[in-house]
């Protein structure tokens, strides 16, 4: 039986998001490769060439860097994009005092943005 002709999904945007998140965390490809038991070259190919990662590596990368796959796989706007997921991860690690500071800051930003409208 012949294979069904299906265009391969382009993982370049996903790779770019992984690279940006990894660099934002100041992690080297070697460090990530050692921790995930993959070669730094494999990670570089995912980041720079859009190489298709295995499903397991894809899953581990989105979890590690709090990446929303919705923006890459769905045509509808994501409920929580990558930036919101990364912010959630930061908030999860904050103390109550830090949460109060972030909340007060967010309220002030909201007031300023509403005043500009």
C-alpha atoms as a PDB file:
ATOM      1  CA  UNK A   1       0.000   0.000   0.000  1.00  0.00           C
ATOM      2  CA  UNK A   2       1.333   3.452  -0.889  1.00  0.00           C
ATOM      3  CA  UNK A   3       1.979   6.073   1.739  1.00  0.00           C
ATOM      4  CA  UNK A   4      -0.537   8.853   2.054  1.00  0.00           C
ATOM      5  CA  UNK A   5       1.051  12.092   0.770  1.00  0.00           C
ATOM      6  CA  UNK A   6       1.136  14.460   3.725  1.00  0.00           C
ATOM      7  CA  UNK A   7       3.272  17.583   3.946  1.00  0.00           C
ATOM      8  CA  UNK A   8       5.708  17.387   6.847  1.00  0.00           C
ATOM      9  CA  UNK A   9       5.041  19.814   9.668  1.00  0.00           C
ATOM     10  CA  UNK A  10       7.600  22.633   9.810  1.00  0.00           C
ATOM     11  CA  UNK A  11       9.185  22.661  13.271  1.00  0.00           C
ATOM     12  CA  UNK A  12      11.299  25.796  12.675  1.00  0.00           C
ATOM     13  CA  UNK A  13       9.103  28.066  14.819  1.00  0.00           C
ATOM     14  CA  UNK A  14       9.110  25.483  17.600  1.00  0.00           C
ATOM     15  CA  UNK A  15      12.891  25.183  17.373  1.00  0.00           C
ATOM     16  CA  UNK A  16      13.283  28.955  17.566  1.00  0.00           C
ATOM     17  CA  UNK A  17      11.061  29.072  20.666  1.00  0.00           C
ATOM     18  CA  UNK A  18      13.112  26.322  22.327  1.00  0.00           C
ATOM     19  CA  UNK A  19      16.349  28.120  21.510  1.00  0.00           C
ATOM     20  CA  UNK A  20      15.059  31.433  22.888  1.00  0.00           C
ATOM     21  CA  UNK A  21      13.811  29.764  26.074  1.00  0.00           C
ATOM     22  CA  UNK A  22      17.060  27.831  26.557  1.00  0.00           C
ATOM     23  CA  UNK A  23      19.157  30.945  26.057  1.00  0.00           C
ATOM     24  CA  UNK A  24      16.812  32.888  28.349  1.00  0.00           C
ATOM     25  CA  UNK A  25      17.562  30.323  31.049  1.00  0.00           C
ATOM     26  CA  UNK A  26      21.289  30.693  30.256  1.00  0.00           C
ATOM     27  CA  UNK A  27      21.620  26.981  29.564  1.00  0.00           C
ATOM     28  CA  UNK A  28      24.125  25.582  27.096  1.00  0.00           C
ATOM     29  CA  UNK A  29      23.194  22.883  24.608  1.00  0.00           C
ATOM     30  CA  UNK A  30      25.728  20.628  26.320  1.00  0.00           C
ATOM     31  CA  UNK A  31      24.044  21.070  29.710  1.00  0.00           C
ATOM     32  CA  UNK A  32      20.595  20.376  28.279  1.00  0.00           C
ATOM     33  CA  UNK A  33      21.910  17.459  26.246  1.00  0.00           C
ATOM     34  CA  UNK A  34      23.584  15.916  29.291  1.00  0.00           C
ATOM     35  CA  UNK A  35      20.452  16.289  31.412  1.00  0.00           C
ATOM     36  CA  UNK A  36      18.105  14.989  28.720  1.00  0.00           C
ATOM     37  CA  UNK A  37      20.475  12.284  27.430  1.00  0.00           C
ATOM     38  CA  UNK A  38      20.538  13.698  23.896  1.00  0.00           C
ATOM     39  CA  UNK A  39      23.414  15.042  21.855  1.00  0.00           C
ATOM     40  CA  UNK A  40      23.968  18.805  21.677  1.00  0.00           C
ATOM     41  CA  UNK A  41      23.990  18.411  17.857  1.00  0.00           C
ATOM     42  CA  UNK A  42      20.469  16.909  17.932  1.00  0.00           C
ATOM     43  CA  UNK A  43      19.272  19.871  20.010  1.00  0.00           C
ATOM     44  CA  UNK A  44      21.028  22.305  17.650  1.00  0.00           C
ATOM     45  CA  UNK A  45      19.290  20.692  14.674  1.00  0.00           C
ATOM     46  CA  UNK A  46      15.904  21.005  16.386  1.00  0.00           C
ATOM     47  CA  UNK A  47      16.575  24.660  17.224  1.00  0.00           C
ATOM     48  CA  UNK A  48      18.176  25.798  13.991  1.00  0.00           C
ATOM     49  CA  UNK A  49      16.962  23.492  11.241  1.00  0.00           C
ATOM     50  CA  UNK A  50      13.514  22.537  12.470  1.00  0.00           C
ATOM     51  CA  UNK A  51      14.447  18.856  12.753  1.00  0.00           C
ATOM     52  CA  UNK A  52      11.515  16.794  13.940  1.00  0.00           C
ATOM     53  CA  UNK A  53      12.173  15.767  17.539  1.00  0.00           C
ATOM     54  CA  UNK A  54      10.944  12.441  18.840  1.00  0.00           C
ATOM     55  CA  UNK A  55       7.639  12.723  20.657  1.00  0.00           C
ATOM     56  CA  UNK A  56       9.392  12.081  23.985  1.00  0.00           C
ATOM     57  CA  UNK A  57      11.978  14.844  23.408  1.00  0.00           C
ATOM     58  CA  UNK A  58       9.264  17.208  22.164  1.00  0.00           C
ATOM     59  CA  UNK A  59       7.290  16.589  25.359  1.00  0.00           C
ATOM     60  CA  UNK A  60      10.346  17.007  27.602  1.00  0.00           C
ATOM     61  CA  UNK A  61      11.351  20.278  25.920  1.00  0.00           C
ATOM     62  CA  UNK A  62       7.896  21.847  26.220  1.00  0.00           C
ATOM     63  CA  UNK A  63       7.778  20.874  29.880  1.00  0.00           C
ATOM     64  CA  UNK A  64      11.308  22.023  30.627  1.00  0.00           C
ATOM     65  CA  UNK A  65      10.780  25.469  29.106  1.00  0.00           C
ATOM     66  CA  UNK A  66       7.031  25.887  29.713  1.00  0.00           C
ATOM     67  CA  UNK A  67       6.323  26.234  25.998  1.00  0.00           C
ATOM     68  CA  UNK A  68       2.728  26.310  24.792  1.00  0.00           C
ATOM     69  CA  UNK A  69       2.373  24.005  21.813  1.00  0.00           C
ATOM     70  CA  UNK A  70      -1.007  25.524  21.016  1.00  0.00           C
ATOM     71  CA  UNK A  71       0.649  28.375  19.151  1.00  0.00           C
ATOM     72  CA  UNK A  72       2.452  25.895  16.900  1.00  0.00           C
ATOM     73  CA  UNK A  73      -0.143  23.185  16.397  1.00  0.00           C
ATOM     74  CA  UNK A  74      -3.546  24.852  16.597  1.00  0.00           C
ATOM     75  CA  UNK A  75      -5.040  27.450  14.343  1.00  0.00           C
ATOM     76  CA  UNK A  76      -7.124  28.930  17.135  1.00  0.00           C
ATOM     77  CA  UNK A  77      -5.558  31.436  19.514  1.00  0.00           C
ATOM     78  CA  UNK A  78      -3.993  29.651  22.492  1.00  0.00           C
ATOM     79  CA  UNK A  79      -5.637  29.906  25.888  1.00  0.00           C
ATOM     80  CA  UNK A  80      -2.205  30.401  27.431  1.00  0.00           C
ATOM     81  CA  UNK A  81       0.690  31.242  25.176  1.00  0.00           C
ATOM     82  CA  UNK A  82       4.317  30.506  25.976  1.00  0.00           C
ATOM     83  CA  UNK A  83       4.940  33.827  27.710  1.00  0.00           C
ATOM     84  CA  UNK A  84       1.986  33.263  30.040  1.00  0.00           C
ATOM     85  CA  UNK A  85       3.110  29.711  30.829  1.00  0.00           C
ATOM     86  CA  UNK A  86       6.630  30.924  31.578  1.00  0.00           C
ATOM     87  CA  UNK A  87       5.241  33.665  33.815  1.00  0.00           C
ATOM     88  CA  UNK A  88       3.112  31.063  35.616  1.00  0.00           C
ATOM     89  CA  UNK A  89       6.236  28.983  36.227  1.00  0.00           C
ATOM     90  CA  UNK A  90       8.025  32.006  37.685  1.00  0.00           C
ATOM     91  CA  UNK A  91       5.049  32.829  39.893  1.00  0.00           C
ATOM     92  CA  UNK A  92       4.922  29.242  41.159  1.00  0.00           C
ATOM     93  CA  UNK A  93       8.435  29.685  42.532  1.00  0.00           C
ATOM     94  CA  UNK A  94       7.772  33.008  44.288  1.00  0.00           C
ATOM     95  CA  UNK A  95       7.125  33.686  47.929  1.00  0.00           C
ATOM     96  CA  UNK A  96       3.902  35.336  49.098  1.00  0.00           C
ATOM     97  CA  UNK A  97       5.777  38.635  49.344  1.00  0.00           C
ATOM     98  CA  UNK A  98       6.917  38.329  45.723  1.00  0.00           C
ATOM     99  CA  UNK A  99       3.362  37.519  44.604  1.00  0.00           C
ATOM    100  CA  UNK A 100       2.076  40.653  46.377  1.00  0.00           C
ATOM    101  CA  UNK A 101       4.683  42.792  44.603  1.00  0.00           C
ATOM    102  CA  UNK A 102       3.867  41.291  41.193  1.00  0.00           C
ATOM    103  CA  UNK A 103       0.127  41.703  41.820  1.00  0.00           C
ATOM    104  CA  UNK A 104       0.532  45.377  42.768  1.00  0.00           C
ATOM    105  CA  UNK A 105       2.703  45.957  39.708  1.00  0.00           C
ATOM    106  CA  UNK A 106       0.174  44.255  37.420  1.00  0.00           C
ATOM    107  CA  UNK A 107      -2.644  46.394  38.849  1.00  0.00           C
ATOM    108  CA  UNK A 108      -0.682  49.580  38.154  1.00  0.00           C
ATOM    109  CA  UNK A 109       0.111  48.475  34.604  1.00  0.00           C
ATOM    110  CA  UNK A 110      -3.591  47.746  34.029  1.00  0.00           C
ATOM    111  CA  UNK A 111      -4.544  51.221  35.313  1.00  0.00           C
ATOM    112  CA  UNK A 112      -1.995  52.924  33.052  1.00  0.00           C
ATOM    113  CA  UNK A 113      -3.055  50.917  29.996  1.00  0.00           C
ATOM    114  CA  UNK A 114      -6.754  51.702  30.625  1.00  0.00           C
ATOM    115  CA  UNK A 115      -5.959  55.393  31.061  1.00  0.00           C
ATOM    116  CA  UNK A 116      -4.157  55.406  27.688  1.00  0.00           C
ATOM    117  CA  UNK A 117      -7.249  54.065  25.866  1.00  0.00           C
END
